[in-house]
Amino acid sequence: MQHLEWPVHDDCKLRFMELKAKRSYRFIVFKIEKQQVVVEKLGGPNESYDDFTSSFPADECRYAVYDFDFTTIENCQKSKIFFIAWSPDTSKVRMKMVYASSKDRFKRELDGIQFELQATDPSEMSLDIVKGRAI
């Protein structure tokens, strides 16, 4: 194991399964703290995409998953789970390195992610981009 890969707290996997299977949450924001990935925030099923994007700190990296609901051209209700790697330009270089080096391992722990977005500013994870990738 590389020294920059942090263990994933069991709670991360548990909450992700609840989002995926029971739709208990709209989104989950994760952070690396005390050398492990932990849940920072759970977004309730009725929270909006704006609530989600406002959960990211302006100058710190985060991982997040978002359960995006949409209607297809055939009028079918669908949902896709997005993984977002938030790495703002203003965050510290070491923090960016830690998040970048741990991302793939962390993502593998969350079975069921359909799309990934990397964002360095809010425009790179706008709702239009999410819609464009999902549909």
N, C-alpha and C. Protein backbone atom coordinates (compact mmCIF):
# COMPACT_ATOMS: atom_id res chain seq x y z
N MET A 1 0.84 -1.19 0.00
CA MET A 1 0.00 0.00 0.00
C MET A 1 0.88 1.24 0.00
N GLN A 2 0.58 2.21 -0.85
CA GLN A 2 1.35 3.45 -0.88
C GLN A 2 1.07 4.24 0.38
N HIS A 3 2.04 5.03 0.77
CA HIS A 3 1.87 5.79 2.01
C HIS A 3 0.81 6.88 1.90
N LEU A 4 0.38 7.23 0.70
CA LEU A 4 -0.63 8.28 0.56
C LEU A 4 -2.06 7.73 0.43
N GLU A 5 -2.23 6.42 0.46
CA GLU A 5 -3.58 5.87 0.36
C GLU A 5 -4.12 5.64 1.76
N TRP A 6 -5.22 6.27 2.06
CA TRP A 6 -5.78 6.18 3.41
C TRP A 6 -6.86 5.10 3.45
N PRO A 7 -6.98 4.44 4.61
CA PRO A 7 -8.06 3.47 4.73
C PRO A 7 -9.43 4.16 4.66
N VAL A 8 -10.42 3.39 4.26
CA VAL A 8 -11.78 3.93 4.13
C VAL A 8 -12.59 3.46 5.34
N HIS A 9 -13.16 4.41 6.04
CA HIS A 9 -13.97 4.08 7.20
C HIS A 9 -15.21 3.29 6.75
N ASP A 10 -15.57 2.26 7.52
CA ASP A 10 -16.72 1.41 7.16
C ASP A 10 -18.00 2.22 6.95
N ASP A 11 -18.13 3.31 7.70
CA ASP A 11 -19.31 4.15 7.59
C ASP A 11 -19.49 4.69 6.17
N CYS A 12 -18.39 4.94 5.47
CA CYS A 12 -18.46 5.44 4.09
C CYS A 12 -19.20 4.44 3.21
N LYS A 13 -18.80 3.17 3.31
CA LYS A 13 -19.41 2.12 2.49
C LYS A 13 -20.86 1.91 2.88
N LEU A 14 -21.13 1.92 4.18
CA LEU A 14 -22.49 1.71 4.68
C LEU A 14 -23.43 2.81 4.16
N ARG A 15 -23.02 4.06 4.31
CA ARG A 15 -23.87 5.19 3.86
C ARG A 15 -24.06 5.14 2.34
N PHE A 16 -23.00 4.77 1.61
CA PHE A 16 -23.12 4.67 0.16
C PHE A 16 -24.14 3.60 -0.22
N MET A 17 -24.11 2.46 0.46
CA MET A 17 -25.08 1.39 0.18
C MET A 17 -26.50 1.88 0.47
N GLU A 18 -26.66 2.68 1.52
CA GLU A 18 -27.99 3.23 1.84
C GLU A 18 -28.45 4.20 0.76
N LEU A 19 -27.53 4.98 0.23
CA LEU A 19 -27.88 5.89 -0.86
C LEU A 19 -28.29 5.08 -2.09
N LYS A 20 -27.51 4.06 -2.40
CA LYS A 20 -27.72 3.29 -3.62
C LYS A 20 -28.97 2.40 -3.53
N ALA A 21 -29.12 1.68 -2.44
CA ALA A 21 -30.18 0.67 -2.33
C ALA A 21 -31.49 1.24 -1.80
N LYS A 22 -31.39 2.11 -0.80
CA LYS A 22 -32.62 2.60 -0.15
C LYS A 22 -32.96 4.03 -0.54
N ARG A 23 -32.02 4.70 -1.21
CA ARG A 23 -32.19 6.10 -1.59
C ARG A 23 -32.43 6.97 -0.37
N SER A 24 -31.72 6.62 0.71
CA SER A 24 -31.84 7.35 1.98
C SER A 24 -31.28 8.77 1.89
N TYR A 25 -30.34 8.96 0.98
CA TYR A 25 -29.67 10.26 0.84
C TYR A 25 -29.65 10.68 -0.62
N ARG A 26 -29.59 11.99 -0.84
CA ARG A 26 -29.40 12.53 -2.19
C ARG A 26 -27.90 12.56 -2.51
N PHE A 27 -27.10 12.88 -1.48
CA PHE A 27 -25.66 12.96 -1.70
C PHE A 27 -24.89 12.69 -0.41
N ILE A 28 -23.61 12.39 -0.60
CA ILE A 28 -22.70 12.21 0.53
C ILE A 28 -21.40 12.92 0.19
N VAL A 29 -20.89 13.70 1.14
CA VAL A 29 -19.60 14.36 0.98
C VAL A 29 -18.62 13.66 1.93
N PHE A 30 -17.45 13.31 1.38
CA PHE A 30 -16.42 12.61 2.15
C PHE A 30 -15.18 13.48 2.27
N LYS A 31 -14.45 13.31 3.37
CA LYS A 31 -13.17 14.00 3.49
C LYS A 31 -12.14 13.06 4.10
N ILE A 32 -10.88 13.38 3.87
CA ILE A 32 -9.80 12.63 4.48
C ILE A 32 -9.45 13.34 5.78
N GLU A 33 -9.55 12.59 6.87
CA GLU A 33 -9.33 13.16 8.20
C GLU A 33 -8.64 12.12 9.06
N LYS A 34 -7.62 12.54 9.78
CA LYS A 34 -6.87 11.61 10.65
C LYS A 34 -6.47 10.35 9.89
N GLN A 35 -5.99 10.55 8.67
CA GLN A 35 -5.45 9.49 7.82
C GLN A 35 -6.46 8.41 7.43
N GLN A 36 -7.74 8.80 7.33
CA GLN A 36 -8.72 7.89 6.74
C GLN A 36 -9.83 8.70 6.08
N VAL A 37 -10.55 8.05 5.15
CA VAL A 37 -11.67 8.71 4.48
C VAL A 37 -12.90 8.52 5.36
N VAL A 38 -13.58 9.64 5.68
CA VAL A 38 -14.76 9.60 6.54
C VAL A 38 -15.91 10.38 5.89
N VAL A 39 -17.13 10.13 6.37
CA VAL A 39 -18.31 10.87 5.90
C VAL A 39 -18.29 12.24 6.57
N GLU A 40 -18.40 13.30 5.76
CA GLU A 40 -18.47 14.65 6.32
C GLU A 40 -19.91 15.14 6.38
N LYS A 41 -20.68 14.86 5.31
CA LYS A 41 -22.05 15.38 5.27
C LYS A 41 -22.95 14.42 4.51
N LEU A 42 -24.16 14.25 5.02
CA LEU A 42 -25.19 13.47 4.34
C LEU A 42 -26.29 14.42 3.90
N GLY A 43 -26.65 14.38 2.63
CA GLY A 43 -27.73 15.23 2.12
C GLY A 43 -29.02 14.43 2.05
N GLY A 44 -30.06 14.94 2.67
CA GLY A 44 -31.35 14.25 2.68
C GLY A 44 -31.94 14.08 1.29
N PRO A 45 -32.90 13.15 1.14
CA PRO A 45 -33.45 12.85 -0.18
C PRO A 45 -34.08 14.05 -0.88
N ASN A 46 -34.51 15.07 -0.12
CA ASN A 46 -35.17 16.23 -0.74
C ASN A 46 -34.23 17.40 -0.98
N GLU A 47 -32.96 17.23 -0.69
CA GLU A 47 -32.03 18.34 -0.91
C GLU A 47 -31.74 18.51 -2.40
N SER A 48 -31.43 19.74 -2.78
CA SER A 48 -31.24 20.06 -4.20
C SER A 48 -29.78 19.95 -4.62
N TYR A 49 -29.57 20.09 -5.92
CA TYR A 49 -28.20 20.08 -6.43
C TYR A 49 -27.42 21.29 -5.90
N ASP A 50 -28.12 22.42 -5.71
CA ASP A 50 -27.47 23.60 -5.12
C ASP A 50 -27.03 23.33 -3.69
N ASP A 51 -27.87 22.60 -2.93
CA ASP A 51 -27.47 22.23 -1.56
C ASP A 51 -26.20 21.40 -1.60
N PHE A 52 -26.15 20.51 -2.58
CA PHE A 52 -24.98 19.65 -2.75
C PHE A 52 -23.72 20.47 -3.05
N THR A 53 -23.78 21.30 -4.10
CA THR A 53 -22.57 22.04 -4.50
C THR A 53 -22.15 23.04 -3.43
N SER A 54 -23.08 23.55 -2.63
CA SER A 54 -22.70 24.48 -1.57
C SER A 54 -22.07 23.77 -0.37
N SER A 55 -22.05 22.45 -0.39
CA SER A 55 -21.43 21.68 0.70
C SER A 55 -19.92 21.58 0.57
N PHE A 56 -19.38 21.99 -0.59
CA PHE A 56 -17.94 21.88 -0.81
C PHE A 56 -17.22 23.12 -0.27
N PRO A 57 -16.15 22.94 0.50
CA PRO A 57 -15.37 24.10 0.93
C PRO A 57 -14.64 24.73 -0.26
N ALA A 58 -14.46 26.04 -0.22
CA ALA A 58 -13.86 26.75 -1.35
C ALA A 58 -12.39 26.42 -1.53
N ASP A 59 -11.71 26.04 -0.46
CA ASP A 59 -10.26 25.87 -0.58
C ASP A 59 -9.76 24.54 0.00
N GLU A 60 -10.63 23.53 0.03
CA GLU A 60 -10.21 22.21 0.47
C GLU A 60 -10.78 21.15 -0.47
N CYS A 61 -10.04 20.07 -0.65
CA CYS A 61 -10.49 18.98 -1.51
C CYS A 61 -11.54 18.13 -0.80
N ARG A 62 -12.37 17.47 -1.59
CA ARG A 62 -13.37 16.53 -1.07
C ARG A 62 -13.67 15.49 -2.14
N TYR A 63 -14.24 14.37 -1.70
CA TYR A 63 -14.89 13.42 -2.61
C TYR A 63 -16.37 13.52 -2.32
N ALA A 64 -17.19 13.18 -3.30
CA ALA A 64 -18.63 13.17 -3.06
C ALA A 64 -19.31 12.24 -4.04
N VAL A 65 -20.49 11.77 -3.64
CA VAL A 65 -21.36 11.04 -4.57
C VAL A 65 -22.71 11.74 -4.57
N TYR A 66 -23.32 11.76 -5.74
CA TYR A 66 -24.62 12.41 -5.92
C TYR A 66 -25.53 11.48 -6.71
N ASP A 67 -26.73 11.27 -6.20
CA ASP A 67 -27.72 10.42 -6.86
C ASP A 67 -28.61 11.32 -7.70
N PHE A 68 -28.38 11.29 -9.02
CA PHE A 68 -29.05 12.20 -9.94
C PHE A 68 -30.26 11.53 -10.58
N ASP A 69 -31.43 12.08 -10.32
CA ASP A 69 -32.68 11.59 -10.92
C ASP A 69 -32.97 12.35 -12.20
N PHE A 70 -33.45 11.64 -13.20
CA PHE A 70 -33.83 12.32 -14.45
C PHE A 70 -34.88 11.49 -15.18
N THR A 71 -35.50 12.12 -16.18
CA THR A 71 -36.48 11.44 -17.02
C THR A 71 -35.91 11.32 -18.42
N THR A 72 -35.95 10.11 -18.97
CA THR A 72 -35.41 9.89 -20.31
C THR A 72 -36.38 10.43 -21.37
N ILE A 73 -35.92 10.43 -22.62
CA ILE A 73 -36.75 10.86 -23.74
C ILE A 73 -38.01 9.98 -23.81
N GLU A 74 -37.87 8.70 -23.43
CA GLU A 74 -39.01 7.77 -23.44
C GLU A 74 -39.90 7.93 -22.20
N ASN A 75 -39.61 8.97 -21.40
CA ASN A 75 -40.39 9.28 -20.20
C ASN A 75 -40.23 8.24 -19.09
N CYS A 76 -39.04 7.65 -19.00
CA CYS A 76 -38.73 6.71 -17.91
C CYS A 76 -37.95 7.44 -16.83
N GLN A 77 -38.31 7.17 -15.58
CA GLN A 77 -37.56 7.73 -14.45
C GLN A 77 -36.30 6.91 -14.26
N LYS A 78 -35.18 7.58 -14.23
CA LYS A 78 -33.90 6.89 -14.01
C LYS A 78 -33.09 7.65 -12.99
N SER A 79 -32.04 6.98 -12.53
CA SER A 79 -31.13 7.64 -11.62
C SER A 79 -29.72 7.12 -11.90
N LYS A 80 -28.74 8.00 -11.78
CA LYS A 80 -27.34 7.64 -11.98
C LYS A 80 -26.55 8.20 -10.81
N ILE A 81 -25.57 7.43 -10.38
CA ILE A 81 -24.75 7.89 -9.26
C ILE A 81 -23.44 8.44 -9.80
N PHE A 82 -23.20 9.70 -9.46
CA PHE A 82 -21.99 10.41 -9.87
C PHE A 82 -20.99 10.44 -8.72
N PHE A 83 -19.74 10.27 -9.06
CA PHE A 83 -18.64 10.47 -8.12
C PHE A 83 -17.96 11.77 -8.53
N ILE A 84 -17.77 12.66 -7.58
CA ILE A 84 -17.13 13.94 -7.88
C ILE A 84 -15.87 14.08 -7.04
N ALA A 85 -14.77 14.35 -7.71
CA ALA A 85 -13.50 14.64 -7.04
C ALA A 85 -13.32 16.16 -7.10
N TRP A 86 -13.47 16.80 -5.96
CA TRP A 86 -13.39 18.26 -5.85
C TRP A 86 -11.98 18.63 -5.42
N SER A 87 -11.29 19.38 -6.26
CA SER A 87 -9.91 19.76 -5.97
C SER A 87 -9.68 21.20 -6.42
N PRO A 88 -10.15 22.16 -5.62
CA PRO A 88 -10.04 23.56 -6.06
C PRO A 88 -8.59 24.01 -6.17
N ASP A 89 -8.36 24.91 -7.10
CA ASP A 89 -7.00 25.43 -7.33
C ASP A 89 -6.41 26.05 -6.06
N THR A 90 -7.28 26.57 -5.19
CA THR A 90 -6.81 27.26 -3.99
C THR A 90 -6.44 26.32 -2.84
N SER A 91 -6.68 25.02 -3.00
CA SER A 91 -6.32 24.10 -1.91
C SER A 91 -4.81 23.85 -1.92
N LYS A 92 -4.31 23.41 -0.78
CA LYS A 92 -2.87 23.18 -0.64
C LYS A 92 -2.41 22.04 -1.55
N VAL A 93 -1.17 22.17 -2.05
CA VAL A 93 -0.62 21.19 -2.98
C VAL A 93 -0.60 19.79 -2.33
N ARG A 94 -0.18 19.71 -1.09
CA ARG A 94 -0.13 18.40 -0.43
C ARG A 94 -1.51 17.77 -0.35
N MET A 95 -2.52 18.57 -0.03
CA MET A 95 -3.89 18.06 0.06
C MET A 95 -4.33 17.52 -1.31
N LYS A 96 -4.04 18.27 -2.36
CA LYS A 96 -4.41 17.81 -3.71
C LYS A 96 -3.74 16.47 -4.03
N MET A 97 -2.47 16.34 -3.64
CA MET A 97 -1.74 15.10 -3.90
C MET A 97 -2.37 13.93 -3.13
N VAL A 98 -2.70 14.16 -1.89
CA VAL A 98 -3.29 13.10 -1.06
C VAL A 98 -4.62 12.64 -1.66
N TYR A 99 -5.47 13.60 -2.02
CA TYR A 99 -6.78 13.24 -2.59
C TYR A 99 -6.61 12.55 -3.94
N ALA A 100 -5.71 13.05 -4.77
CA ALA A 100 -5.51 12.46 -6.10
C ALA A 100 -4.98 11.03 -5.99
N SER A 101 -4.07 10.80 -5.06
CA SER A 101 -3.46 9.46 -4.97
C SER A 101 -4.40 8.45 -4.32
N SER A 102 -5.37 8.90 -3.55
CA SER A 102 -6.29 7.99 -2.86
C SER A 102 -7.59 7.77 -3.62
N LYS A 103 -7.84 8.58 -4.64
CA LYS A 103 -9.16 8.59 -5.30
C LYS A 103 -9.56 7.24 -5.88
N ASP A 104 -8.70 6.63 -6.67
CA ASP A 104 -9.09 5.39 -7.35
C ASP A 104 -9.39 4.27 -6.37
N ARG A 105 -8.57 4.18 -5.34
CA ARG A 105 -8.81 3.14 -4.34
C ARG A 105 -10.14 3.40 -3.63
N PHE A 106 -10.39 4.64 -3.26
CA PHE A 106 -11.64 4.96 -2.58
C PHE A 106 -12.84 4.67 -3.47
N LYS A 107 -12.73 5.07 -4.73
CA LYS A 107 -13.84 4.86 -5.68
C LYS A 107 -14.16 3.38 -5.85
N ARG A 108 -13.13 2.55 -5.84
CA ARG A 108 -13.34 1.10 -5.96
C ARG A 108 -14.14 0.54 -4.79
N GLU A 109 -14.05 1.18 -3.63
CA GLU A 109 -14.79 0.72 -2.45
C GLU A 109 -16.30 0.97 -2.59
N LEU A 110 -16.65 1.89 -3.46
CA LEU A 110 -18.05 2.28 -3.64
C LEU A 110 -18.57 1.65 -4.92
N ASP A 111 -19.18 0.50 -4.80
CA ASP A 111 -19.61 -0.25 -5.97
C ASP A 111 -20.94 0.29 -6.49
N GLY A 112 -20.96 0.78 -7.72
CA GLY A 112 -22.21 1.28 -8.29
C GLY A 112 -22.11 2.69 -8.84
N ILE A 113 -20.91 3.25 -8.83
CA ILE A 113 -20.72 4.59 -9.40
C ILE A 113 -20.76 4.47 -10.92
N GLN A 114 -21.53 5.36 -11.56
CA GLN A 114 -21.68 5.27 -13.01
C GLN A 114 -20.90 6.34 -13.77
N PHE A 115 -20.66 7.47 -13.16
CA PHE A 115 -19.93 8.55 -13.81
C PHE A 115 -19.00 9.20 -12.81
N GLU A 116 -17.93 9.78 -13.34
CA GLU A 116 -17.00 10.52 -12.49
C GLU A 116 -16.78 11.89 -13.09
N LEU A 117 -16.76 12.89 -12.23
CA LEU A 117 -16.41 14.25 -12.63
C LEU A 117 -15.25 14.72 -11.77
N GLN A 118 -14.31 15.42 -12.38
CA GLN A 118 -13.24 16.08 -11.63
C GLN A 118 -13.52 17.56 -11.75
N ALA A 119 -13.51 18.26 -10.63
CA ALA A 119 -13.82 19.68 -10.66
C ALA A 119 -12.81 20.48 -9.85
N THR A 120 -12.35 21.58 -10.46
CA THR A 120 -11.47 22.50 -9.74
C THR A 120 -12.19 23.81 -9.43
N ASP A 121 -13.34 24.02 -10.04
CA ASP A 121 -14.20 25.14 -9.67
C ASP A 121 -15.65 24.73 -9.94
N PRO A 122 -16.62 25.41 -9.31
CA PRO A 122 -18.02 24.96 -9.40
C PRO A 122 -18.56 24.81 -10.81
N SER A 123 -18.06 25.59 -11.77
CA SER A 123 -18.58 25.50 -13.14
C SER A 123 -18.32 24.12 -13.75
N GLU A 124 -17.31 23.41 -13.27
CA GLU A 124 -16.96 22.11 -13.84
C GLU A 124 -17.85 20.97 -13.32
N MET A 125 -18.73 21.31 -12.39
CA MET A 125 -19.69 20.30 -11.93
C MET A 125 -21.09 20.89 -11.89
N SER A 126 -21.38 21.74 -12.87
CA SER A 126 -22.71 22.35 -12.94
C SER A 126 -23.76 21.29 -13.24
N LEU A 127 -25.00 21.60 -12.93
CA LEU A 127 -26.09 20.66 -13.17
C LEU A 127 -26.20 20.32 -14.66
N ASP A 128 -25.92 21.28 -15.53
CA ASP A 128 -25.96 21.01 -16.98
C ASP A 128 -24.95 19.94 -17.39
N ILE A 129 -23.77 19.98 -16.79
CA ILE A 129 -22.74 18.98 -17.10
C ILE A 129 -23.21 17.61 -16.62
N VAL A 130 -23.76 17.55 -15.42
CA VAL A 130 -24.27 16.30 -14.87
C VAL A 130 -25.38 15.74 -15.77
N LYS A 131 -26.32 16.60 -16.14
CA LYS A 131 -27.41 16.17 -17.03
C LYS A 131 -26.85 15.64 -18.35
N GLY A 132 -25.90 16.36 -18.90
CA GLY A 132 -25.32 15.97 -20.18
C GLY A 132 -24.65 14.61 -20.13
N ARG A 133 -24.03 14.29 -19.01
CA ARG A 133 -23.36 13.00 -18.88
C ARG A 133 -24.37 11.88 -18.62
N ALA A 134 -25.44 12.18 -17.92
CA ALA A 134 -26.39 11.15 -17.49
C ALA A 134 -27.30 10.70 -18.62
N ILE A 135 -27.76 11.63 -19.43
CA ILE A 135 -28.82 11.32 -20.39
C ILE A 135 -28.25 10.73 -21.68
